[in-house]
Amino acid sequence: MKAQSDTSSSPILYSCTSREQRAVEQFVEFHSLIYVESGDIQFKSVEGVQTFGAGSFVLIKRNQLVKTIKTPPSGGSFESVSIFFEQELLRRYSIQRGIFSTKPYQGPNRIELPTNIFLTSFFESIKPYLHHPAPTNSILTNLKCQEALELILSIQLDLTGLLLDFSDPYKVDLEAFMVQHFMFNVSIDAFARMTGRSRAGFKRDFEKVFRSTPGQWLKQKRLEEAHHLIQNKKMNPSMVYLEVGFENLSHFSYAFKQQFGVAPSTLLTGQ
């Protein structure tokens, strides 16, 4: 188990920050359970914006793209604990318990579970391990993940269709998907997986649809959206570059001026 504020290979992650962390983009590879201990966390995706406050238990569906903003309370820190349910653990659980998905899940990508004394006690039981300097062995970590799984299904058994569905993502309409998700700064591999394709298949289909490489199209699309937000919405470039999927402000400003012949800050002020 890890006590830190960024991503980790551990299936249990403690996150803590005393400053607002804006627009952290994530490809959600595994189903995840998040307990917000203090502060607020906001999820932004093509489905809309949702904010969850202290005391919330949120189940996140795998294979989706989200941007998150973590906001600490006044004078305090944002704190959360996340549990990632890897597919192999879920398969073993399904076989051992004889519980299987009987129909595809059709619900929302983010589900707020009802407040539950057992879930609260479960996360309290994890705290000593999160803050202890010695690493926790994998057997104990897996047991804790299974315990969390049991608790979720005891609250909502119909979530078996979500958690225990092991089918691969099917091929989706590539053009529609990319037009909706171009502003997410994730890898080509993530885009390929989300659209139900191999990396090679994604690049091949992409060039057929858009007559361009993924890298070239994404850069152009993001710059066009940035131009629109600055000129028409009067958004500050220091916020726009994150909104449209660039990694840093200096690279964005250089590419913007190269494309439009004017710096983004100049376009904003109209000088």
C-alpha atoms as a PDB file:
ATOM      1  CA  MET A   1       0.000   0.000   0.000  1.00  0.00           C
ATOM      2  CA  LYS A   2       1.236   3.464  -0.864  1.00  0.00           C
ATOM      3  CA  ALA A   3       0.910   6.764   0.958  1.00  0.00           C
ATOM      4  CA  GLN A   4       1.447   9.400  -1.710  1.00  0.00           C
ATOM      5  CA  SER A   5      -0.342  11.946  -3.877  1.00  0.00           C
ATOM      6  CA  ASP A   6       0.115  10.557  -7.375  1.00  0.00           C
ATOM      7  CA  THR A   7      -0.492   7.373  -9.321  1.00  0.00           C
ATOM      8  CA  SER A   8       1.083   4.129  -8.189  1.00  0.00           C
ATOM      9  CA  SER A   9       1.313   0.492  -9.192  1.00  0.00           C
ATOM     10  CA  SER A  10      -0.154  -0.464  -5.802  1.00  0.00           C
ATOM     11  CA  PRO A  11      -3.855  -1.393  -5.824  1.00  0.00           C
ATOM     12  CA  ILE A  12      -4.381   0.799  -2.747  1.00  0.00           C
ATOM     13  CA  LEU A  13      -3.409   4.464  -2.936  1.00  0.00           C
ATOM     14  CA  TYR A  14      -3.519   7.273  -0.372  1.00  0.00           C
ATOM     15  CA  SER A  15      -3.712  10.792  -1.821  1.00  0.00           C
ATOM     16  CA  CYS A  16      -3.054  14.000   0.111  1.00  0.00           C
ATOM     17  CA  THR A  17      -2.583  17.592  -1.051  1.00  0.00           C
ATOM     18  CA  SER A  18      -2.859  20.958   0.696  1.00  0.00           C
ATOM     19  CA  ARG A  19      -3.180  22.840  -2.608  1.00  0.00           C
ATOM     20  CA  GLU A  20      -5.829  22.574  -5.294  1.00  0.00           C
ATOM     21  CA  GLN A  21      -4.743  20.147  -8.016  1.00  0.00           C
ATOM     22  CA  ARG A  22      -6.425  21.114 -11.265  1.00  0.00           C
ATOM     23  CA  ALA A  23      -7.227  19.070 -14.346  1.00  0.00           C
ATOM     24  CA  VAL A  24      -5.291  15.933 -13.511  1.00  0.00           C
ATOM     25  CA  GLU A  25      -6.155  13.693 -16.461  1.00  0.00           C
ATOM     26  CA  GLN A  26      -6.611   9.990 -16.080  1.00  0.00           C
ATOM     27  CA  PHE A  27      -7.286   6.983 -18.217  1.00  0.00           C
ATOM     28  CA  VAL A  28      -9.162   4.815 -15.722  1.00  0.00           C
ATOM     29  CA  GLU A  29      -7.742   1.378 -16.443  1.00  0.00           C
ATOM     30  CA  PHE A  30      -9.388  -0.480 -13.542  1.00  0.00           C
ATOM     31  CA  HIS A  31     -12.666  -0.258 -11.669  1.00  0.00           C
ATOM     32  CA  SER A  32     -11.909   1.889  -8.622  1.00  0.00           C
ATOM     33  CA  LEU A  33     -13.440   2.668  -5.247  1.00  0.00           C
ATOM     34  CA  ILE A  34     -12.585   6.088  -3.823  1.00  0.00           C
ATOM     35  CA  TYR A  35     -13.222   7.267  -0.295  1.00  0.00           C
ATOM     36  CA  VAL A  36     -13.022  11.047   0.091  1.00  0.00           C
ATOM     37  CA  GLU A  37     -11.911  11.644   3.643  1.00  0.00           C
ATOM     38  CA  SER A  38     -11.640  15.443   3.475  1.00  0.00           C
ATOM     39  CA  GLY A  39     -12.074  18.138   0.833  1.00  0.00           C
ATOM     40  CA  ASP A  40     -13.812  17.756  -2.524  1.00  0.00           C
ATOM     41  CA  ILE A  41     -12.990  15.915  -5.729  1.00  0.00           C
ATOM     42  CA  GLN A  42     -14.504  16.914  -9.067  1.00  0.00           C
ATOM     43  CA  PHE A  43     -14.728  14.598 -12.064  1.00  0.00           C
ATOM     44  CA  LYS A  44     -15.142  16.068 -15.540  1.00  0.00           C
ATOM     45  CA  SER A  45     -15.868  13.912 -18.580  1.00  0.00           C
ATOM     46  CA  VAL A  46     -18.016  13.972 -21.703  1.00  0.00           C
ATOM     47  CA  GLU A  47     -20.920  12.832 -19.497  1.00  0.00           C
ATOM     48  CA  GLY A  48     -20.666  16.041 -17.443  1.00  0.00           C
ATOM     49  CA  VAL A  49     -19.221  17.273 -14.142  1.00  0.00           C
ATOM     50  CA  GLN A  50     -19.717  15.647 -10.745  1.00  0.00           C
ATOM     51  CA  THR A  51     -18.360  16.787  -7.384  1.00  0.00           C
ATOM     52  CA  PHE A  52     -18.079  14.565  -4.314  1.00  0.00           C
ATOM     53  CA  GLY A  53     -17.395  15.859  -0.827  1.00  0.00           C
ATOM     54  CA  ALA A  54     -15.940  14.511   2.390  1.00  0.00           C
ATOM     55  CA  GLY A  55     -17.433  11.194   3.445  1.00  0.00           C
ATOM     56  CA  SER A  56     -18.312  10.110  -0.096  1.00  0.00           C
ATOM     57  CA  PHE A  57     -17.751   6.603  -1.442  1.00  0.00           C
ATOM     58  CA  VAL A  58     -17.468   6.662  -5.245  1.00  0.00           C
ATOM     59  CA  LEU A  59     -17.235   3.666  -7.558  1.00  0.00           C
ATOM     60  CA  ILE A  60     -15.545   4.491 -10.870  1.00  0.00           C
ATOM     61  CA  LYS A  61     -16.073   2.365 -13.980  1.00  0.00           C
ATOM     62  CA  ARG A  62     -12.972   1.218 -15.867  1.00  0.00           C
ATOM     63  CA  ASN A  63     -12.032   2.198 -19.429  1.00  0.00           C
ATOM     64  CA  GLN A  64     -13.002   5.856 -19.340  1.00  0.00           C
ATOM     65  CA  LEU A  65     -11.311   9.241 -19.527  1.00  0.00           C
ATOM     66  CA  VAL A  66     -11.754  11.824 -16.779  1.00  0.00           C
ATOM     67  CA  LYS A  67     -10.208  15.051 -15.567  1.00  0.00           C
ATOM     68  CA  THR A  68     -10.110  15.555 -11.816  1.00  0.00           C
ATOM     69  CA  ILE A  69      -9.776  18.565  -9.554  1.00  0.00           C
ATOM     70  CA  LYS A  70      -8.901  17.933  -5.912  1.00  0.00           C
ATOM     71  CA  THR A  71      -9.797  20.809  -3.580  1.00  0.00           C
ATOM     72  CA  PRO A  72      -8.709  20.880   0.077  1.00  0.00           C
ATOM     73  CA  PRO A  73     -10.951  22.373   2.772  1.00  0.00           C
ATOM     74  CA  SER A  74     -10.066  25.805   4.144  1.00  0.00           C
ATOM     75  CA  GLY A  75      -6.923  25.456   6.260  1.00  0.00           C
ATOM     76  CA  GLY A  76      -6.665  21.712   5.669  1.00  0.00           C
ATOM     77  CA  SER A  77      -5.697  19.048   3.151  1.00  0.00           C
ATOM     78  CA  PHE A  78      -7.559  17.029   0.585  1.00  0.00           C
ATOM     79  CA  GLU A  79      -7.302  13.354   1.524  1.00  0.00           C
ATOM     80  CA  SER A  80      -8.617  10.255  -0.170  1.00  0.00           C
ATOM     81  CA  VAL A  81      -7.989   6.530  -0.397  1.00  0.00           C
ATOM     82  CA  SER A  82      -8.465   4.673  -3.694  1.00  0.00           C
ATOM     83  CA  ILE A  83      -8.697   0.941  -4.297  1.00  0.00           C
ATOM     84  CA  PHE A  84      -8.068  -0.369  -7.814  1.00  0.00           C
ATOM     85  CA  PHE A  85      -9.685  -3.675  -8.701  1.00  0.00           C
ATOM     86  CA  GLU A  86      -7.372  -5.328 -11.210  1.00  0.00           C
ATOM     87  CA  GLN A  87      -9.001  -7.692 -13.675  1.00  0.00           C
ATOM     88  CA  GLU A  88      -7.104 -10.765 -12.467  1.00  0.00           C
ATOM     89  CA  LEU A  89      -8.288 -10.241  -8.882  1.00  0.00           C
ATOM     90  CA  LEU A  90     -11.884  -9.844 -10.080  1.00  0.00           C
ATOM     91  CA  ARG A  91     -11.669 -13.019 -12.179  1.00  0.00           C
ATOM     92  CA  ARG A  92     -10.373 -15.039  -9.227  1.00  0.00           C
ATOM     93  CA  TYR A  93     -13.085 -13.626  -6.991  1.00  0.00           C
ATOM     94  CA  SER A  94     -15.789 -14.448  -9.544  1.00  0.00           C
ATOM     95  CA  ILE A  95     -14.676 -18.067  -9.840  1.00  0.00           C
ATOM     96  CA  GLN A  96     -14.113 -18.618  -6.119  1.00  0.00           C
ATOM     97  CA  ARG A  97     -17.470 -17.139  -5.118  1.00  0.00           C
ATOM     98  CA  GLY A  98     -19.400 -18.510  -8.083  1.00  0.00           C
ATOM     99  CA  ILE A  99     -20.745 -15.048  -8.908  1.00  0.00           C
ATOM    100  CA  PHE A 100     -20.894 -14.042 -12.565  1.00  0.00           C
ATOM    101  CA  SER A 101     -22.192 -11.161 -14.623  1.00  0.00           C
ATOM    102  CA  THR A 102     -25.544 -12.115 -16.178  1.00  0.00           C
ATOM    103  CA  LYS A 103     -26.247  -8.929 -18.144  1.00  0.00           C
ATOM    104  CA  PRO A 104     -24.221  -5.931 -19.338  1.00  0.00           C
ATOM    105  CA  TYR A 105     -24.039  -2.924 -17.047  1.00  0.00           C
ATOM    106  CA  GLN A 106     -25.958   0.066 -18.468  1.00  0.00           C
ATOM    107  CA  GLY A 107     -25.603   2.576 -15.639  1.00  0.00           C
ATOM    108  CA  PRO A 108     -23.474   5.694 -15.064  1.00  0.00           C
ATOM    109  CA  ASN A 109     -19.681   5.684 -15.100  1.00  0.00           C
ATOM    110  CA  ARG A 110     -19.463   7.087 -11.563  1.00  0.00           C
ATOM    111  CA  ILE A 111     -21.678   5.804  -8.761  1.00  0.00           C
ATOM    112  CA  GLU A 112     -21.915   7.314  -5.297  1.00  0.00           C
ATOM    113  CA  LEU A 113     -22.518   4.459  -2.874  1.00  0.00           C
ATOM    114  CA  PRO A 114     -24.757   5.106   0.138  1.00  0.00           C
ATOM    115  CA  THR A 115     -23.035   5.961   3.408  1.00  0.00           C
ATOM    116  CA  ASN A 116     -22.305   2.689   5.150  1.00  0.00           C
ATOM    117  CA  ILE A 117     -20.787   2.022   8.573  1.00  0.00           C
ATOM    118  CA  PHE A 118     -19.027  -1.082   7.268  1.00  0.00           C
ATOM    119  CA  LEU A 119     -17.342   0.803   4.414  1.00  0.00           C
ATOM    120  CA  THR A 120     -16.337   3.567   6.825  1.00  0.00           C
ATOM    121  CA  SER A 121     -14.854   1.019   9.236  1.00  0.00           C
ATOM    122  CA  PHE A 122     -13.091  -0.731   6.365  1.00  0.00           C
ATOM    123  CA  PHE A 123     -11.247   2.419   5.301  1.00  0.00           C
ATOM    124  CA  GLU A 124     -10.390   3.201   8.909  1.00  0.00           C
ATOM    125  CA  SER A 125      -8.775  -0.263   9.122  1.00  0.00           C
ATOM    126  CA  ILE A 126      -6.517   0.581   6.173  1.00  0.00           C
ATOM    127  CA  LYS A 127      -5.076   3.771   7.656  1.00  0.00           C
ATOM    128  CA  PRO A 128      -2.362   2.190   9.825  1.00  0.00           C
ATOM    129  CA  TYR A 129      -0.899   0.443   6.763  1.00  0.00           C
ATOM    130  CA  LEU A 130      -0.988   3.596   4.634  1.00  0.00           C
ATOM    131  CA  HIS A 131       1.041   5.617   7.102  1.00  0.00           C
ATOM    132  CA  HIS A 132       3.476   2.896   8.147  1.00  0.00           C
ATOM    133  CA  PRO A 133       6.952   3.166   6.543  1.00  0.00           C
ATOM    134  CA  ALA A 134       7.285  -0.588   5.954  1.00  0.00           C
ATOM    135  CA  PRO A 135       5.785  -1.959   2.723  1.00  0.00           C
ATOM    136  CA  THR A 136       2.693  -4.131   3.017  1.00  0.00           C
ATOM    137  CA  ASN A 137       2.906  -7.634   1.563  1.00  0.00           C
ATOM    138  CA  SER A 138       0.810  -8.432  -1.507  1.00  0.00           C
ATOM    139  CA  ILE A 139      -1.239 -11.135   0.260  1.00  0.00           C
ATOM    140  CA  LEU A 140      -2.601  -8.632   2.783  1.00  0.00           C
ATOM    141  CA  THR A 141      -3.215  -6.052   0.066  1.00  0.00           C
ATOM    142  CA  ASN A 142      -5.215  -8.543  -2.018  1.00  0.00           C
ATOM    143  CA  LEU A 143      -7.254  -9.552   1.023  1.00  0.00           C
ATOM    144  CA  LYS A 144      -8.149  -5.908   1.628  1.00  0.00           C
ATOM    145  CA  CYS A 145      -9.191  -5.500  -2.021  1.00  0.00           C
ATOM    146  CA  GLN A 146     -11.391  -8.601  -1.760  1.00  0.00           C
ATOM    147  CA  GLU A 147     -12.929  -7.293   1.446  1.00  0.00           C
ATOM    148  CA  ALA A 148     -13.810  -4.017  -0.297  1.00  0.00           C
ATOM    149  CA  LEU A 149     -15.341  -5.991  -3.158  1.00  0.00           C
ATOM    150  CA  GLU A 150     -17.489  -8.023  -0.776  1.00  0.00           C
ATOM    151  CA  LEU A 151     -18.720  -4.833   0.889  1.00  0.00           C
ATOM    152  CA  ILE A 152     -19.639  -3.184  -2.422  1.00  0.00           C
ATOM    153  CA  LEU A 153     -21.633  -6.201  -3.613  1.00  0.00           C
ATOM    154  CA  SER A 154     -23.343  -6.522  -0.223  1.00  0.00           C
ATOM    155  CA  ILE A 155     -24.591  -2.960  -0.704  1.00  0.00           C
ATOM    156  CA  GLN A 156     -25.563  -3.293  -4.387  1.00  0.00           C
ATOM    157  CA  LEU A 157     -25.557  -6.826  -5.770  1.00  0.00           C
ATOM    158  CA  ASP A 158     -26.616  -5.558  -9.202  1.00  0.00           C
ATOM    159  CA  LEU A 159     -23.100  -4.112  -9.590  1.00  0.00           C
ATOM    160  CA  THR A 160     -21.893  -7.591 -10.591  1.00  0.00           C
ATOM    161  CA  GLY A 161     -22.733  -6.526 -14.160  1.00  0.00           C
ATOM    162  CA  LEU A 162     -20.172  -3.757 -13.780  1.00  0.00           C
ATOM    163  CA  LEU A 163     -17.437  -5.332 -11.685  1.00  0.00           C
ATOM    164  CA  LEU A 164     -17.504  -8.883 -13.036  1.00  0.00           C
ATOM    165  CA  ASP A 165     -17.840  -8.172 -16.754  1.00  0.00           C
ATOM    166  CA  PHE A 166     -14.586  -9.283 -18.398  1.00  0.00           C
ATOM    167  CA  SER A 167     -15.441  -8.636 -22.029  1.00  0.00           C
ATOM    168  CA  ASP A 168     -13.109  -6.428 -24.046  1.00  0.00           C
ATOM    169  CA  PRO A 169     -14.315  -3.005 -25.208  1.00  0.00           C
ATOM    170  CA  TYR A 170     -16.055  -3.309 -28.562  1.00  0.00           C
ATOM    171  CA  LYS A 171     -15.146  -1.147 -31.534  1.00  0.00           C
ATOM    172  CA  VAL A 172     -16.805   2.242 -31.272  1.00  0.00           C
ATOM    173  CA  ASP A 173     -17.361   4.970 -33.858  1.00  0.00           C
ATOM    174  CA  LEU A 174     -13.849   6.415 -34.053  1.00  0.00           C
ATOM    175  CA  GLU A 175     -14.788   9.838 -35.416  1.00  0.00           C
ATOM    176  CA  ALA A 176     -17.492  10.460 -32.813  1.00  0.00           C
ATOM    177  CA  PHE A 177     -15.267   9.247 -29.974  1.00  0.00           C
ATOM    178  CA  MET A 178     -12.270  11.403 -30.902  1.00  0.00           C
ATOM    179  CA  VAL A 179     -14.350  14.536 -31.456  1.00  0.00           C
ATOM    180  CA  GLN A 180     -15.721  14.075 -27.929  1.00  0.00           C
ATOM    181  CA  HIS A 181     -12.422  13.157 -26.244  1.00  0.00           C
ATOM    182  CA  PHE A 182      -9.627  15.015 -28.092  1.00  0.00           C
ATOM    183  CA  MET A 183      -9.040  17.338 -25.114  1.00  0.00           C
ATOM    184  CA  PHE A 184      -7.847  14.480 -22.890  1.00  0.00           C
ATOM    185  CA  ASN A 185      -4.065  14.345 -22.786  1.00  0.00           C
ATOM    186  CA  VAL A 186      -3.564  10.585 -22.778  1.00  0.00           C
ATOM    187  CA  SER A 187      -1.448   8.213 -24.853  1.00  0.00           C
ATOM    188  CA  ILE A 188      -2.341   6.774 -28.252  1.00  0.00           C
ATOM    189  CA  ASP A 189      -2.422   3.353 -26.541  1.00  0.00           C
ATOM    190  CA  ALA A 190      -5.159   4.614 -24.206  1.00  0.00           C
ATOM    191  CA  PHE A 191      -7.206   6.004 -27.099  1.00  0.00           C
ATOM    192  CA  ALA A 192      -6.781   2.687 -28.929  1.00  0.00           C
ATOM    193  CA  ARG A 193      -7.963   0.654 -25.928  1.00  0.00           C
ATOM    194  CA  MET A 194     -10.940   2.936 -25.343  1.00  0.00           C
ATOM    195  CA  THR A 195     -12.095   2.491 -28.943  1.00  0.00           C
ATOM    196  CA  GLY A 196     -11.663  -1.300 -28.921  1.00  0.00           C
ATOM    197  CA  ARG A 197      -8.616  -1.418 -31.188  1.00  0.00           C
ATOM    198  CA  SER A 198      -4.969  -2.410 -31.136  1.00  0.00           C
ATOM    199  CA  ARG A 199      -2.455   0.427 -31.465  1.00  0.00           C
ATOM    200  CA  ALA A 200      -1.810  -0.487 -35.104  1.00  0.00           C
ATOM    201  CA  GLY A 201      -5.528  -0.847 -35.829  1.00  0.00           C
ATOM    202  CA  PHE A 202      -6.262   2.504 -34.214  1.00  0.00           C
ATOM    203  CA  LYS A 203      -3.648   4.336 -36.272  1.00  0.00           C
ATOM    204  CA  ARG A 204      -4.793   2.639 -39.481  1.00  0.00           C
ATOM    205  CA  ASP A 205      -8.481   3.425 -38.905  1.00  0.00           C
ATOM    206  CA  PHE A 206      -7.664   6.946 -37.715  1.00  0.00           C
ATOM    207  CA  GLU A 207      -5.830   7.851 -40.919  1.00  0.00           C
ATOM    208  CA  LYS A 208      -8.706   6.473 -43.000  1.00  0.00           C
ATOM    209  CA  VAL A 209     -11.249   8.604 -41.130  1.00  0.00           C
ATOM    210  CA  PHE A 210      -9.323  11.843 -40.588  1.00  0.00           C
ATOM    211  CA  ARG A 211      -6.757  11.761 -43.420  1.00  0.00           C
ATOM    212  CA  SER A 212      -4.127  12.636 -40.838  1.00  0.00           C
ATOM    213  CA  THR A 213      -1.988  11.014 -38.181  1.00  0.00           C
ATOM    214  CA  PRO A 214      -3.354  11.007 -34.610  1.00  0.00           C
ATOM    215  CA  GLY A 215      -0.597  13.338 -33.393  1.00  0.00           C
ATOM    216  CA  GLN A 216      -1.141  15.922 -36.126  1.00  0.00           C
ATOM    217  CA  TRP A 217      -4.927  15.863 -35.817  1.00  0.00           C
ATOM    218  CA  LEU A 218      -4.912  16.137 -32.024  1.00  0.00           C
ATOM    219  CA  LYS A 219      -2.556  19.115 -32.086  1.00  0.00           C
ATOM    220  CA  GLN A 220      -4.644  20.924 -34.699  1.00  0.00           C
ATOM    221  CA  LYS A 221      -7.941  20.187 -32.973  1.00  0.00           C
ATOM    222  CA  ARG A 222      -6.650  21.292 -29.575  1.00  0.00           C
ATOM    223  CA  LEU A 223      -5.251  24.546 -30.975  1.00  0.00           C
ATOM    224  CA  GLU A 224      -8.517  25.336 -32.744  1.00  0.00           C
ATOM    225  CA  GLU A 225     -10.457  24.739 -29.536  1.00  0.00           C
ATOM    226  CA  ALA A 226      -7.975  26.872 -27.581  1.00  0.00           C
ATOM    227  CA  HIS A 227      -8.395  29.718 -30.091  1.00  0.00           C
ATOM    228  CA  HIS A 228     -12.172  29.513 -29.668  1.00  0.00           C
ATOM    229  CA  LEU A 229     -12.000  29.525 -25.852  1.00  0.00           C
ATOM    230  CA  ILE A 230      -9.618  32.489 -25.724  1.00  0.00           C
ATOM    231  CA  GLN A 231     -11.269  34.622 -28.420  1.00  0.00           C
ATOM    232  CA  ASN A 232     -14.931  33.876 -27.770  1.00  0.00           C
ATOM    233  CA  LYS A 233     -15.044  32.740 -24.119  1.00  0.00           C
ATOM    234  CA  LYS A 234     -12.289  35.093 -22.894  1.00  0.00           C
ATOM    235  CA  MET A 235     -10.611  32.290 -20.968  1.00  0.00           C
ATOM    236  CA  ASN A 236      -7.092  32.847 -19.674  1.00  0.00           C
ATOM    237  CA  PRO A 237      -4.399  30.904 -21.598  1.00  0.00           C
ATOM    238  CA  SER A 238      -3.035  29.627 -18.265  1.00  0.00           C
ATOM    239  CA  MET A 239      -6.270  27.672 -17.886  1.00  0.00           C
ATOM    240  CA  VAL A 240      -6.958  26.957 -21.550  1.00  0.00           C
ATOM    241  CA  TYR A 241      -3.845  24.875 -22.191  1.00  0.00           C
ATOM    242  CA  LEU A 242      -4.931  22.352 -19.554  1.00  0.00           C
ATOM    243  CA  GLU A 243      -8.540  22.422 -20.723  1.00  0.00           C
ATOM    244  CA  VAL A 244      -7.636  21.407 -24.291  1.00  0.00           C
ATOM    245  CA  GLY A 245      -4.999  18.780 -23.491  1.00  0.00           C
ATOM    246  CA  PHE A 246      -1.556  20.399 -23.619  1.00  0.00           C
ATOM    247  CA  GLU A 247       1.044  19.389 -21.043  1.00  0.00           C
ATOM    248  CA  ASN A 248       2.653  22.761 -20.316  1.00  0.00           C
ATOM    249  CA  LEU A 249       1.996  26.431 -20.980  1.00  0.00           C
ATOM    250  CA  SER A 250       5.240  27.246 -22.791  1.00  0.00           C
ATOM    251  CA  HIS A 251       4.784  24.472 -25.367  1.00  0.00           C
ATOM    252  CA  PHE A 252       1.166  25.498 -25.861  1.00  0.00           C
ATOM    253  CA  SER A 253       2.071  29.186 -26.349  1.00  0.00           C
ATOM    254  CA  TYR A 254       4.772  28.320 -28.876  1.00  0.00           C
ATOM    255  CA  ALA A 255       2.484  26.015 -30.898  1.00  0.00           C
ATOM    256  CA  PHE A 256      -0.380  28.540 -30.736  1.00  0.00           C
ATOM    257  CA  LYS A 257       1.708  31.415 -32.092  1.00  0.00           C
ATOM    258  CA  GLN A 258       3.183  29.161 -34.754  1.00  0.00           C
ATOM    259  CA  GLN A 259      -0.341  28.172 -35.873  1.00  0.00           C
ATOM    260  CA  PHE A 260      -2.148  31.531 -35.663  1.00  0.00           C
ATOM    261  CA  GLY A 261       0.658  34.104 -35.845  1.00  0.00           C
ATOM    262  CA  VAL A 262      -0.290  35.643 -32.520  1.00  0.00           C
ATOM    263  CA  ALA A 263       0.465  34.767 -28.907  1.00  0.00           C
ATOM    264  CA  PRO A 264      -2.509  33.479 -26.890  1.00  0.00           C
ATOM    265  CA  SER A 265      -2.095  36.277 -24.331  1.00  0.00           C
ATOM    266  CA  THR A 266      -2.200  38.867 -27.132  1.00  0.00           C
ATOM    267  CA  LEU A 267      -5.360  37.327 -28.570  1.00  0.00           C
ATOM    268  CA  LEU A 268      -6.982  37.538 -25.139  1.00  0.00           C
ATOM    269  CA  THR A 269      -6.193  41.239 -24.615  1.00  0.00           C
ATOM    270  CA  GLY A 270      -6.871  42.168 -28.243  1.00  0.00           C
ATOM    271  CA  GLN A 271      -3.676  44.192 -28.513  1.00  0.00           C
END
